[in-house]
């Protein structure tokens, strides 16, 4: 393996780690935002505006990550897309299992 190939492989690894970290962070923000949603009283302000703005900013940041990865190593953009998808799905499944266990515990009581 030549030095150039090693550097390219390091770029792919770096972007994979960065995208996994960003995916975990953005999912934690989303989970926290969802848990803070409460029914809106008559004449009250909706909390959905802040949620929508945060989700659009997360989407734009992922786009920026993919753009920067394309500038450094095009294969890294594919790695980012796969990593974000897989990490997000794993978090969703783990969160769903956790919520289902909590609901089952409440029903037993």
Foldseek 3Di string as FASTA:
>chain_A
DDPVVVVLVVLLVVLLVVLLVLLVVLVVVLVVLVVPFDDADVPGDGPVVVVVVSVVVSVVVLVVSLVVSCVVHNVSSVSSVVSSVVSNVVVVVVVVVVVVVVVVVVVVD
